[in-house]
C-alpha atoms as a PDB file:
ATOM      1  CA  UNK A   1     145.568  68.526  57.351  1.00  0.00           C
ATOM      2  CA  UNK A   2     149.605  67.759  58.844  1.00  0.00           C
ATOM      3  CA  UNK A   3     147.395  65.257  61.086  1.00  0.00           C
ATOM      4  CA  UNK A   4     146.393  63.352  57.787  1.00  0.00           C
ATOM      5  CA  UNK A   5     150.032  63.874  56.943  1.00  0.00           C
ATOM      6  CA  UNK A   6     151.101  61.784  59.285  1.00  0.00           C
ATOM      7  CA  UNK A   7     147.967  58.532  59.144  1.00  0.00           C
ATOM      8  CA  UNK A   8     149.974  58.812  55.113  1.00  0.00           C
ATOM      9  CA  UNK A   9     152.800  58.181  56.498  1.00  0.00           C
ATOM     10  CA  UNK A  10     152.413  55.525  59.420  1.00  0.00           C
ATOM     11  CA  UNK A  11     150.187  53.592  56.108  1.00  0.00           C
ATOM     12  CA  UNK A  12     153.835  54.014  54.149  1.00  0.00           C
ATOM     13  CA  UNK A  13     155.118  52.114  56.828  1.00  0.00           C
ATOM     14  CA  UNK A  14     153.317  48.594  55.501  1.00  0.00           C
ATOM     15  CA  UNK A  15     154.345  48.900  51.495  1.00  0.00           C
ATOM     16  CA  UNK A  16     157.838  49.583  52.539  1.00  0.00           C
ATOM     17  CA  UNK A  17     157.839  46.274  55.002  1.00  0.00           C
ATOM     18  CA  UNK A  18     156.258  44.939  52.361  1.00  0.00           C
ATOM     19  CA  UNK A  19     158.465  45.257  49.169  1.00  0.00           C
ATOM     20  CA  UNK A  20     161.614  43.908  51.086  1.00  0.00           C
ATOM     21  CA  UNK A  21     160.057  41.269  52.006  1.00  0.00           C
ATOM     22  CA  UNK A  22     160.114  40.042  48.551  1.00  0.00           C
ATOM     23  CA  UNK A  23     163.613  40.157  49.233  1.00  0.00           C
ATOM     24  CA  UNK A  24     163.707  38.626  52.158  1.00  0.00           C
ATOM     25  CA  UNK A  25     161.616  35.507  51.343  1.00  0.00           C
ATOM     26  CA  UNK A  26     163.150  34.777  48.244  1.00  0.00           C
ATOM     27  CA  UNK A  27     166.836  35.289  49.262  1.00  0.00           C
ATOM     28  CA  UNK A  28     166.507  33.210  52.634  1.00  0.00           C
ATOM     29  CA  UNK A  29     163.317  31.294  52.804  1.00  0.00           C
ATOM     30  CA  UNK A  30     162.502  27.559  51.588  1.00  0.00           C
ATOM     31  CA  UNK A  31     160.925  27.897  47.938  1.00  0.00           C
ATOM     32  CA  UNK A  32     159.050  24.192  48.388  1.00  0.00           C
ATOM     33  CA  UNK A  33     157.055  25.147  51.444  1.00  0.00           C
ATOM     34  CA  UNK A  34     155.229  27.933  50.504  1.00  0.00           C
ATOM     35  CA  UNK A  35     152.784  26.909  53.615  1.00  0.00           C
ATOM     36  CA  UNK A  36     154.898  26.487  56.421  1.00  0.00           C
ATOM     37  CA  UNK A  37     156.276  29.889  54.895  1.00  0.00           C
ATOM     38  CA  UNK A  38     152.948  31.724  54.996  1.00  0.00           C
ATOM     39  CA  UNK A  39     152.581  29.666  58.574  1.00  0.00           C
ATOM     40  CA  UNK A  40     154.834  31.078  60.178  1.00  0.00           C
ATOM     41  CA  UNK A  41     154.748  34.529  58.964  1.00  0.00           C
ATOM     42  CA  UNK A  42     150.744  34.791  59.869  1.00  0.00           C
ATOM     43  CA  UNK A  43     150.518  33.027  63.658  1.00  0.00           C
ATOM     44  CA  UNK A  44     153.321  34.072  65.664  1.00  0.00           C
ATOM     45  CA  UNK A  45     152.616  37.712  64.474  1.00  0.00           C
ATOM     46  CA  UNK A  46     148.518  37.370  64.910  1.00  0.00           C
ATOM     47  CA  UNK A  47     149.811  35.373  68.625  1.00  0.00           C
ATOM     48  CA  UNK A  48     151.854  38.557  69.286  1.00  0.00           C
ATOM     49  CA  UNK A  49     149.279  41.213  68.745  1.00  0.00           C
ATOM     50  CA  UNK A  50     146.411  38.749  70.814  1.00  0.00           C
ATOM     51  CA  UNK A  51     148.992  39.246  74.332  1.00  0.00           C
ATOM     52  CA  UNK A  52     148.929  43.239  73.326  1.00  0.00           C
ATOM     53  CA  UNK A  53     145.159  43.420  72.103  1.00  0.00           C
ATOM     54  CA  UNK A  54     143.426  41.018  75.613  1.00  0.00           C
ATOM     55  CA  UNK A  55     140.292  41.045  73.316  1.00  0.00           C
ATOM     56  CA  UNK A  56     138.086  38.291  71.552  1.00  0.00           C
ATOM     57  CA  UNK A  57     135.312  38.828  68.745  1.00  0.00           C
ATOM     58  CA  UNK A  58     131.639  38.524  69.669  1.00  0.00           C
ATOM     59  CA  UNK A  59     128.793  38.540  67.967  1.00  0.00           C
ATOM     60  CA  UNK A  60     129.643  38.644  64.362  1.00  0.00           C
ATOM     61  CA  UNK A  61     133.070  39.430  64.487  1.00  0.00           C
ATOM     62  CA  UNK A  62     133.688  35.720  64.717  1.00  0.00           C
ATOM     63  CA  UNK A  63     132.615  35.243  61.206  1.00  0.00           C
ATOM     64  CA  UNK A  64     134.361  38.736  59.925  1.00  0.00           C
ATOM     65  CA  UNK A  65     137.618  37.790  61.330  1.00  0.00           C
ATOM     66  CA  UNK A  66     137.611  34.576  60.385  1.00  0.00           C
ATOM     67  CA  UNK A  67     136.765  35.628  56.546  1.00  0.00           C
ATOM     68  CA  UNK A  68     139.133  38.415  56.606  1.00  0.00           C
ATOM     69  CA  UNK A  69     141.685  36.065  57.954  1.00  0.00           C
ATOM     70  CA  UNK A  70     141.248  34.155  54.987  1.00  0.00           C
ATOM     71  CA  UNK A  71     140.957  36.649  52.400  1.00  0.00           C
ATOM     72  CA  UNK A  72     144.218  38.860  53.859  1.00  0.00           C
ATOM     73  CA  UNK A  73     145.996  35.961  55.257  1.00  0.00           C
ATOM     74  CA  UNK A  74     145.529  32.889  54.088  1.00  0.00           C
ATOM     75  CA  UNK A  75     145.469  32.919  50.875  1.00  0.00           C
ATOM     76  CA  UNK A  76     147.758  36.620  50.756  1.00  0.00           C
ATOM     77  CA  UNK A  77     150.550  34.580  51.971  1.00  0.00           C
ATOM     78  CA  UNK A  78     150.088  31.969  49.934  1.00  0.00           C
ATOM     79  CA  UNK A  79     150.119  33.399  47.101  1.00  0.00           C
ATOM     80  CA  UNK A  80     152.707  36.387  47.793  1.00  0.00           C
ATOM     81  CA  UNK A  81     155.435  33.682  48.838  1.00  0.00           C
ATOM     82  CA  UNK A  82     154.797  31.768  44.955  1.00  0.00           C
ATOM     83  CA  UNK A  83     155.541  34.712  43.737  1.00  0.00           C
ATOM     84  CA  UNK A  84     158.318  36.043  45.586  1.00  0.00           C
ATOM     85  CA  UNK A  85     159.635  32.658  45.142  1.00  0.00           C
ATOM     86  CA  UNK A  86     159.225  32.355  41.587  1.00  0.00           C
ATOM     87  CA  UNK A  87     159.699  35.922  40.795  1.00  0.00           C
ATOM     88  CA  UNK A  88     162.063  38.373  40.468  1.00  0.00           C
ATOM     89  CA  UNK A  89     162.160  40.686  43.347  1.00  0.00           C
ATOM     90  CA  UNK A  90     161.475  44.003  41.609  1.00  0.00           C
ATOM     91  CA  UNK A  91     158.895  42.277  39.043  1.00  0.00           C
ATOM     92  CA  UNK A  92     156.886  40.313  42.264  1.00  0.00           C
ATOM     93  CA  UNK A  93     156.281  44.089  44.023  1.00  0.00           C
ATOM     94  CA  UNK A  94     155.439  45.551  40.626  1.00  0.00           C
ATOM     95  CA  UNK A  95     152.311  43.425  39.740  1.00  0.00           C
ATOM     96  CA  UNK A  96     151.055  45.133  43.153  1.00  0.00           C
ATOM     97  CA  UNK A  97     151.024  47.993  42.092  1.00  0.00           C
ATOM     98  CA  UNK A  98     147.845  47.687  40.026  1.00  0.00           C
ATOM     99  CA  UNK A  99     145.645  47.266  43.682  1.00  0.00           C
ATOM    100  CA  UNK A 100     145.338  51.492  44.059  1.00  0.00           C
ATOM    101  CA  UNK A 101     143.272  51.179  40.584  1.00  0.00           C
ATOM    102  CA  UNK A 102     141.440  48.086  42.352  1.00  0.00           C
ATOM    103  CA  UNK A 103     140.684  50.011  45.292  1.00  0.00           C
ATOM    104  CA  UNK A 104     140.027  53.077  44.294  1.00  0.00           C
ATOM    105  CA  UNK A 105     137.112  51.805  41.497  1.00  0.00           C
ATOM    106  CA  UNK A 106     136.019  49.059  44.518  1.00  0.00           C
ATOM    107  CA  UNK A 107     136.219  51.794  47.310  1.00  0.00           C
ATOM    108  CA  UNK A 108     133.700  54.066  44.658  1.00  0.00           C
ATOM    109  CA  UNK A 109     131.186  51.123  43.792  1.00  0.00           C
ATOM    110  CA  UNK A 110     130.787  48.782  46.983  1.00  0.00           C
ATOM    111  CA  UNK A 111     132.005  52.131  49.681  1.00  0.00           C
ATOM    112  CA  UNK A 112     130.256  54.646  48.208  1.00  0.00           C
ATOM    113  CA  UNK A 113     133.784  56.802  48.298  1.00  0.00           C
ATOM    114  CA  UNK A 114     134.391  58.754  45.010  1.00  0.00           C
ATOM    115  CA  UNK A 115     137.909  59.629  44.012  1.00  0.00           C
ATOM    116  CA  UNK A 116     138.863  62.722  43.427  1.00  0.00           C
ATOM    117  CA  UNK A 117     140.195  63.795  39.781  1.00  0.00           C
ATOM    118  CA  UNK A 118     144.028  63.636  41.095  1.00  0.00           C
ATOM    119  CA  UNK A 119     143.597  60.205  42.385  1.00  0.00           C
ATOM    120  CA  UNK A 120     141.622  59.020  39.049  1.00  0.00           C
ATOM    121  CA  UNK A 121     144.858  60.190  37.307  1.00  0.00           C
ATOM    122  CA  UNK A 122     147.322  58.507  39.853  1.00  0.00           C
ATOM    123  CA  UNK A 123     145.471  55.572  39.332  1.00  0.00           C
ATOM    124  CA  UNK A 124     146.328  55.155  35.618  1.00  0.00           C
ATOM    125  CA  UNK A 125     149.497  56.771  36.156  1.00  0.00           C
ATOM    126  CA  UNK A 126     150.639  53.956  38.389  1.00  0.00           C
ATOM    127  CA  UNK A 127     150.018  50.831  36.146  1.00  0.00           C
ATOM    128  CA  UNK A 128     150.927  52.382  32.917  1.00  0.00           C
ATOM    129  CA  UNK A 129     154.121  52.690  35.144  1.00  0.00           C
ATOM    130  CA  UNK A 130     153.781  48.841  36.335  1.00  0.00           C
ATOM    131  CA  UNK A 131     153.320  47.979  32.047  1.00  0.00           C
ATOM    132  CA  UNK A 132     156.615  49.698  31.831  1.00  0.00           C
ATOM    133  CA  UNK A 133     158.509  48.086  34.678  1.00  0.00           C
ATOM    134  CA  UNK A 134     157.032  44.486  33.699  1.00  0.00           C
ATOM    135  CA  UNK A 135     158.192  45.217  29.803  1.00  0.00           C
ATOM    136  CA  UNK A 136     161.827  46.797  29.900  1.00  0.00           C
ATOM    137  CA  UNK A 137     164.531  44.048  29.568  1.00  0.00           C
ATOM    138  CA  UNK A 138     165.764  41.318  31.802  1.00  0.00           C
ATOM    139  CA  UNK A 139     162.365  41.549  33.929  1.00  0.00           C
ATOM    140  CA  UNK A 140     161.193  37.755  34.453  1.00  0.00           C
ATOM    141  CA  UNK A 141     157.509  36.896  34.074  1.00  0.00           C
ATOM    142  CA  UNK A 142     156.912  33.403  34.590  1.00  0.00           C
ATOM    143  CA  UNK A 143     153.576  33.025  34.498  1.00  0.00           C
ATOM    144  CA  UNK A 144     152.928  30.904  37.438  1.00  0.00           C
ATOM    145  CA  UNK A 145     154.876  33.716  39.016  1.00  0.00           C
ATOM    146  CA  UNK A 146     152.422  36.642  37.739  1.00  0.00           C
ATOM    147  CA  UNK A 147     149.335  34.192  38.075  1.00  0.00           C
ATOM    148  CA  UNK A 148     150.342  34.287  41.628  1.00  0.00           C
ATOM    149  CA  UNK A 149     150.938  38.358  42.109  1.00  0.00           C
ATOM    150  CA  UNK A 150     148.087  38.946  40.142  1.00  0.00           C
ATOM    151  CA  UNK A 151     146.111  36.445  42.941  1.00  0.00           C
ATOM    152  CA  UNK A 152     147.723  38.304  45.509  1.00  0.00           C
ATOM    153  CA  UNK A 153     146.372  41.998  44.496  1.00  0.00           C
ATOM    154  CA  UNK A 154     142.785  40.440  44.036  1.00  0.00           C
ATOM    155  CA  UNK A 155     142.245  38.842  47.237  1.00  0.00           C
ATOM    156  CA  UNK A 156     143.872  41.530  49.579  1.00  0.00           C
ATOM    157  CA  UNK A 157     141.423  43.738  47.617  1.00  0.00           C
ATOM    158  CA  UNK A 158     138.513  42.190  48.722  1.00  0.00           C
ATOM    159  CA  UNK A 159     139.718  41.878  51.895  1.00  0.00           C
ATOM    160  CA  UNK A 160     140.983  45.505  52.130  1.00  0.00           C
ATOM    161  CA  UNK A 161     137.812  46.943  50.881  1.00  0.00           C
ATOM    162  CA  UNK A 162     135.763  44.596  53.779  1.00  0.00           C
ATOM    163  CA  UNK A 163     137.978  45.789  56.058  1.00  0.00           C
ATOM    164  CA  UNK A 164     136.733  49.385  55.057  1.00  0.00           C
ATOM    165  CA  UNK A 165     133.639  48.152  55.066  1.00  0.00           C
ATOM    166  CA  UNK A 166     133.163  46.716  58.518  1.00  0.00           C
ATOM    167  CA  UNK A 167     134.905  48.876  60.333  1.00  0.00           C
ATOM    168  CA  UNK A 168     132.264  49.655  62.833  1.00  0.00           C
ATOM    169  CA  UNK A 169     134.054  49.635  66.750  1.00  0.00           C
ATOM    170  CA  UNK A 170     136.403  47.215  67.217  1.00  0.00           C
ATOM    171  CA  UNK A 171     139.887  48.756  67.627  1.00  0.00           C
ATOM    172  CA  UNK A 172     142.441  48.414  65.050  1.00  0.00           C
ATOM    173  CA  UNK A 173     144.375  46.056  67.108  1.00  0.00           C
ATOM    174  CA  UNK A 174     142.554  43.662  67.677  1.00  0.00           C
ATOM    175  CA  UNK A 175     140.889  43.354  64.222  1.00  0.00           C
ATOM    176  CA  UNK A 176     144.427  42.439  62.880  1.00  0.00           C
ATOM    177  CA  UNK A 177     145.317  40.119  65.793  1.00  0.00           C
ATOM    178  CA  UNK A 178     142.167  38.080  65.122  1.00  0.00           C
ATOM    179  CA  UNK A 179     142.405  37.800  61.397  1.00  0.00           C
ATOM    180  CA  UNK A 180     145.808  36.939  61.120  1.00  0.00           C
ATOM    181  CA  UNK A 181     145.197  34.636  63.986  1.00  0.00           C
ATOM    182  CA  UNK A 182     142.404  32.824  61.951  1.00  0.00           C
ATOM    183  CA  UNK A 183     144.626  33.289  58.775  1.00  0.00           C
ATOM    184  CA  UNK A 184     147.298  31.670  60.704  1.00  0.00           C
ATOM    185  CA  UNK A 185     145.831  28.478  61.680  1.00  0.00           C
ATOM    186  CA  UNK A 186     143.539  27.745  58.637  1.00  0.00           C
ATOM    187  CA  UNK A 187     147.533  27.970  57.234  1.00  0.00           C
ATOM    188  CA  UNK A 188     148.752  25.357  59.919  1.00  0.00           C
ATOM    189  CA  UNK A 189     146.237  23.092  59.408  1.00  0.00           C
ATOM    190  CA  UNK A 190     146.884  23.123  55.588  1.00  0.00           C
ATOM    191  CA  UNK A 191     150.600  22.933  55.775  1.00  0.00           C
ATOM    192  CA  UNK A 192     150.631  19.988  58.232  1.00  0.00           C
ATOM    193  CA  UNK A 193     148.551  17.713  55.826  1.00  0.00           C
ATOM    194  CA  UNK A 194     149.698  18.577  52.687  1.00  0.00           C
ATOM    195  CA  UNK A 195     153.247  19.436  52.934  1.00  0.00           C
ATOM    196  CA  UNK A 196     154.310  17.464  56.007  1.00  0.00           C
ATOM    197  CA  UNK A 197     157.289  18.517  58.507  1.00  0.00           C
ATOM    198  CA  UNK A 198     157.731  22.101  59.449  1.00  0.00           C
ATOM    199  CA  UNK A 199     161.032  23.458  57.362  1.00  0.00           C
ATOM    200  CA  UNK A 200     163.988  23.201  59.239  1.00  0.00           C
ATOM    201  CA  UNK A 201     165.118  26.663  60.729  1.00  0.00           C
ATOM    202  CA  UNK A 202     168.479  27.736  61.381  1.00  0.00           C
ATOM    203  CA  UNK A 203     171.227  30.325  61.003  1.00  0.00           C
ATOM    204  CA  UNK A 204     169.506  33.482  58.417  1.00  0.00           C
ATOM    205  CA  UNK A 205     166.499  32.030  58.455  1.00  0.00           C
ATOM    206  CA  UNK A 206     166.027  32.412  61.783  1.00  0.00           C
ATOM    207  CA  UNK A 207     166.190  36.776  60.957  1.00  0.00           C
ATOM    208  CA  UNK A 208     164.236  36.003  57.882  1.00  0.00           C
ATOM    209  CA  UNK A 209     161.491  34.530  59.658  1.00  0.00           C
ATOM    210  CA  UNK A 210     161.334  37.106  62.378  1.00  0.00           C
ATOM    211  CA  UNK A 211     161.397  40.147  59.986  1.00  0.00           C
ATOM    212  CA  UNK A 212     158.236  38.202  58.341  1.00  0.00           C
ATOM    213  CA  UNK A 213     156.340  37.949  60.646  1.00  0.00           C
ATOM    214  CA  UNK A 214     157.279  40.664  63.077  1.00  0.00           C
ATOM    215  CA  UNK A 215     158.081  44.100  60.896  1.00  0.00           C
ATOM    216  CA  UNK A 216     156.577  42.595  57.605  1.00  0.00           C
ATOM    217  CA  UNK A 217     153.133  41.062  58.969  1.00  0.00           C
ATOM    218  CA  UNK A 218     152.695  42.422  62.640  1.00  0.00           C
ATOM    219  CA  UNK A 219     154.329  45.885  62.001  1.00  0.00           C
ATOM    220  CA  UNK A 220     152.980  46.299  58.244  1.00  0.00           C
ATOM    221  CA  UNK A 221     149.130  45.555  58.971  1.00  0.00           C
ATOM    222  CA  UNK A 222     148.810  47.696  62.229  1.00  0.00           C
ATOM    223  CA  UNK A 223     149.879  50.429  60.017  1.00  0.00           C
ATOM    224  CA  UNK A 224     147.854  49.634  56.404  1.00  0.00           C
ATOM    225  CA  UNK A 225     144.516  49.342  58.792  1.00  0.00           C
ATOM    226  CA  UNK A 226     144.497  52.026  60.739  1.00  0.00           C
ATOM    227  CA  UNK A 227     145.529  53.890  57.531  1.00  0.00           C
ATOM    228  CA  UNK A 228     142.329  52.089  56.056  1.00  0.00           C
ATOM    229  CA  UNK A 229     140.784  53.340  59.268  1.00  0.00           C
ATOM    230  CA  UNK A 230     141.710  57.094  58.712  1.00  0.00           C
ATOM    231  CA  UNK A 231     142.612  57.687  55.367  1.00  0.00           C
ATOM    232  CA  UNK A 232     140.421  57.045  51.819  1.00  0.00           C
ATOM    233  CA  UNK A 233     140.644  53.640  50.194  1.00  0.00           C
ATOM    234  CA  UNK A 234     142.137  55.335  46.926  1.00  0.00           C
ATOM    235  CA  UNK A 235     144.771  57.379  48.863  1.00  0.00           C
ATOM    236  CA  UNK A 236     145.743  54.110  50.710  1.00  0.00           C
ATOM    237  CA  UNK A 237     146.272  52.468  47.367  1.00  0.00           C
ATOM    238  CA  UNK A 238     148.162  54.602  46.176  1.00  0.00           C
ATOM    239  CA  UNK A 239     150.615  54.784  48.877  1.00  0.00           C
ATOM    240  CA  UNK A 240     150.838  51.544  48.009  1.00  0.00           C
ATOM    241  CA  UNK A 241     152.958  52.264  45.506  1.00  0.00           C
ATOM    242  CA  UNK A 242     155.457  52.068  47.726  1.00  0.00           C
ATOM    243  CA  UNK A 243     155.682  48.113  47.529  1.00  0.00           C
ATOM    244  CA  UNK A 244     156.941  47.971  43.817  1.00  0.00           C
ATOM    245  CA  UNK A 245     159.661  51.011  43.999  1.00  0.00           C
ATOM    246  CA  UNK A 246     160.720  49.301  47.625  1.00  0.00           C
ATOM    247  CA  UNK A 247     160.866  46.019  45.285  1.00  0.00           C
ATOM    248  CA  UNK A 248     162.853  47.478  43.086  1.00  0.00           C
ATOM    249  CA  UNK A 249     165.321  49.583  44.944  1.00  0.00           C
ATOM    250  CA  UNK A 250     166.378  46.124  46.663  1.00  0.00           C
ATOM    251  CA  UNK A 251     166.383  44.106  43.566  1.00  0.00           C
ATOM    252  CA  UNK A 252     169.190  46.882  42.339  1.00  0.00           C
ATOM    253  CA  UNK A 253     171.218  47.015  45.043  1.00  0.00           C
ATOM    254  CA  UNK A 254     171.126  43.705  46.536  1.00  0.00           C
ATOM    255  CA  UNK A 255     170.651  40.922  44.232  1.00  0.00           C
ATOM    256  CA  UNK A 256     172.387  42.230  41.268  1.00  0.00           C
ATOM    257  CA  UNK A 257     168.631  42.964  39.202  1.00  0.00           C
ATOM    258  CA  UNK A 258     169.200  45.106  36.244  1.00  0.00           C
ATOM    259  CA  UNK A 259     166.339  47.877  34.878  1.00  0.00           C
ATOM    260  CA  UNK A 260     166.286  49.435  31.428  1.00  0.00           C
ATOM    261  CA  UNK A 261     165.232  52.558  30.140  1.00  0.00           C
ATOM    262  CA  UNK A 262     161.431  51.175  30.259  1.00  0.00           C
ATOM    263  CA  UNK A 263     161.552  50.121  33.424  1.00  0.00           C
ATOM    264  CA  UNK A 264     163.307  53.252  34.966  1.00  0.00           C
ATOM    265  CA  UNK A 265     160.915  55.490  32.954  1.00  0.00           C
ATOM    266  CA  UNK A 266     158.120  53.251  34.759  1.00  0.00           C
ATOM    267  CA  UNK A 267     159.625  54.072  37.990  1.00  0.00           C
ATOM    268  CA  UNK A 268     158.973  57.372  37.558  1.00  0.00           C
ATOM    269  CA  UNK A 269     155.589  57.590  36.762  1.00  0.00           C
ATOM    270  CA  UNK A 270     154.749  54.923  39.771  1.00  0.00           C
ATOM    271  CA  UNK A 271     156.713  57.795  41.724  1.00  0.00           C
ATOM    272  CA  UNK A 272     154.573  60.177  40.063  1.00  0.00           C
ATOM    273  CA  UNK A 273     151.485  58.770  40.974  1.00  0.00           C
ATOM    274  CA  UNK A 274     152.128  58.817  44.617  1.00  0.00           C
ATOM    275  CA  UNK A 275     152.637  62.635  44.442  1.00  0.00           C
ATOM    276  CA  UNK A 276     149.591  63.323  42.661  1.00  0.00           C
ATOM    277  CA  UNK A 277     147.505  61.023  44.833  1.00  0.00           C
ATOM    278  CA  UNK A 278     149.006  62.374  48.190  1.00  0.00           C
ATOM    279  CA  UNK A 279     146.389  62.855  51.061  1.00  0.00           C
ATOM    280  CA  UNK A 280     144.207  65.649  51.712  1.00  0.00           C
ATOM    281  CA  UNK A 281     142.201  66.637  54.227  1.00  0.00           C
ATOM    282  CA  UNK A 282     138.646  65.097  53.784  1.00  0.00           C
ATOM    283  CA  UNK A 283     135.386  67.510  53.836  1.00  0.00           C
ATOM    284  CA  UNK A 284     132.844  66.363  56.296  1.00  0.00           C
ATOM    285  CA  UNK A 285     130.678  63.792  55.706  1.00  0.00           C
ATOM    286  CA  UNK A 286     132.628  62.629  52.697  1.00  0.00           C
ATOM    287  CA  UNK A 287     135.349  60.014  52.232  1.00  0.00           C
ATOM    288  CA  UNK A 288     133.782  57.751  54.805  1.00  0.00           C
ATOM    289  CA  UNK A 289     131.424  55.924  52.589  1.00  0.00           C
ATOM    290  CA  UNK A 290     129.622  55.223  55.634  1.00  0.00           C
ATOM    291  CA  UNK A 291     126.515  57.363  57.517  1.00  0.00           C
ATOM    292  CA  UNK A 292     127.360  57.880  61.278  1.00  0.00           C
ATOM    293  CA  UNK A 293     124.438  55.624  62.420  1.00  0.00           C
ATOM    294  CA  UNK A 294     125.352  52.731  60.072  1.00  0.00           C
ATOM    295  CA  UNK A 295     129.053  52.867  62.138  1.00  0.00           C
ATOM    296  CA  UNK A 296     127.208  53.035  65.057  1.00  0.00           C
ATOM    297  CA  UNK A 297     124.777  50.392  64.811  1.00  0.00           C
ATOM    298  CA  UNK A 298     127.553  47.887  63.645  1.00  0.00           C
ATOM    299  CA  UNK A 299     129.746  48.452  67.207  1.00  0.00           C
ATOM    300  CA  UNK A 300     127.013  45.911  69.161  1.00  0.00           C
ATOM    301  CA  UNK A 301     128.806  43.227  67.404  1.00  0.00           C
ATOM    302  CA  UNK A 302     132.293  43.824  68.630  1.00  0.00           C
ATOM    303  CA  UNK A 303     135.387  43.064  70.459  1.00  0.00           C
ATOM    304  CA  UNK A 304     134.824  42.308  74.228  1.00  0.00           C
ATOM    305  CA  UNK A 305     137.594  42.346  76.690  1.00  0.00           C
ATOM    306  CA  UNK A 306     139.142  39.273  78.174  1.00  0.00           C
END
C-alpha cells in the first residue's frame, strides 16, 4: 500500500503541472500561433528525453509512437493551447476534470479494468463538481474554448488508454520521448506551413516556454505515463482532478479571477472525489487488463538501444 501511494504521489505531479500550465500559457505566450506554441512545447521536451533514453523504436513501435504522438502531443497540445488562450484559467482546467469518468469507463470497456464502487462514486462526484464550478457566477464559457477543452480531454483519453493497452515492455522514458518527438515534428511542419515564422521569444516568454516544455511536458508526461503503468486507469484519472483544483487556485491568487458559492462547492466535490478514489493495493491478477502472457508477447516489438 505504501508503494502504491508513492506511485500516486509521483503521478500527481502531472495534473498539478498541467493546471499551472493553463495560467502560464494564457499570461505569457502569444495567443495567435497555437501550432507554434504546441511545437515549442513538445519538441524540446522530446529531444531532451531522447538524449536521456538513447533508444529508438523497433517493429510495431514506429507506428505506435506516431499514433501516440498525434493523440497525446499534436492534437492534445493544440487544443489545450486554444483553450488556455480563450478561457479563464479556472474554466479551462475544469473541463478536463471530466477525464476521470472517460478514463474509468474506457478502461472498463477496453482494458477489462473493473472499477471499484469508490471509483464509480468518485467518477460521478467529480463531474458534478465540474458542473457547479462551470456554472458559478463569473465563469467564462466561450464556445470555442469549451469545445477545445472537450476535444483535448477526448483525444488525451484515447491516447492514455492506448498507452496502457500497449504497455508491453519498452521503458516509459523511451516511449514518452518518442511520442513527444513524433508529435513535435508533426506540429513543427504544420506550424511552418500554416502560421509562417515562429513567434519572437524574449523576456518572460523564455521562462514560460521553459516551464511549459520542461516541467509541464517532459517531467509531467514521465510522471503520468509511469502512473498509468503502475496504477489502474481509473485511479490515474481521478488524480487528474488535481488539474482543475490547481487551475482554480492559480486563477484566484494570480489572475484576479473570482469564484461564487456554487464554484466553491464544486471544488469541494472535486477534492472529495480525489479522496474517494485514492489508490489501493491491487489484488493479484487484477487491475492490469492483460494476461501476463499477453504482455510478454509484445516485448519483442519494443525499443532497441542505439
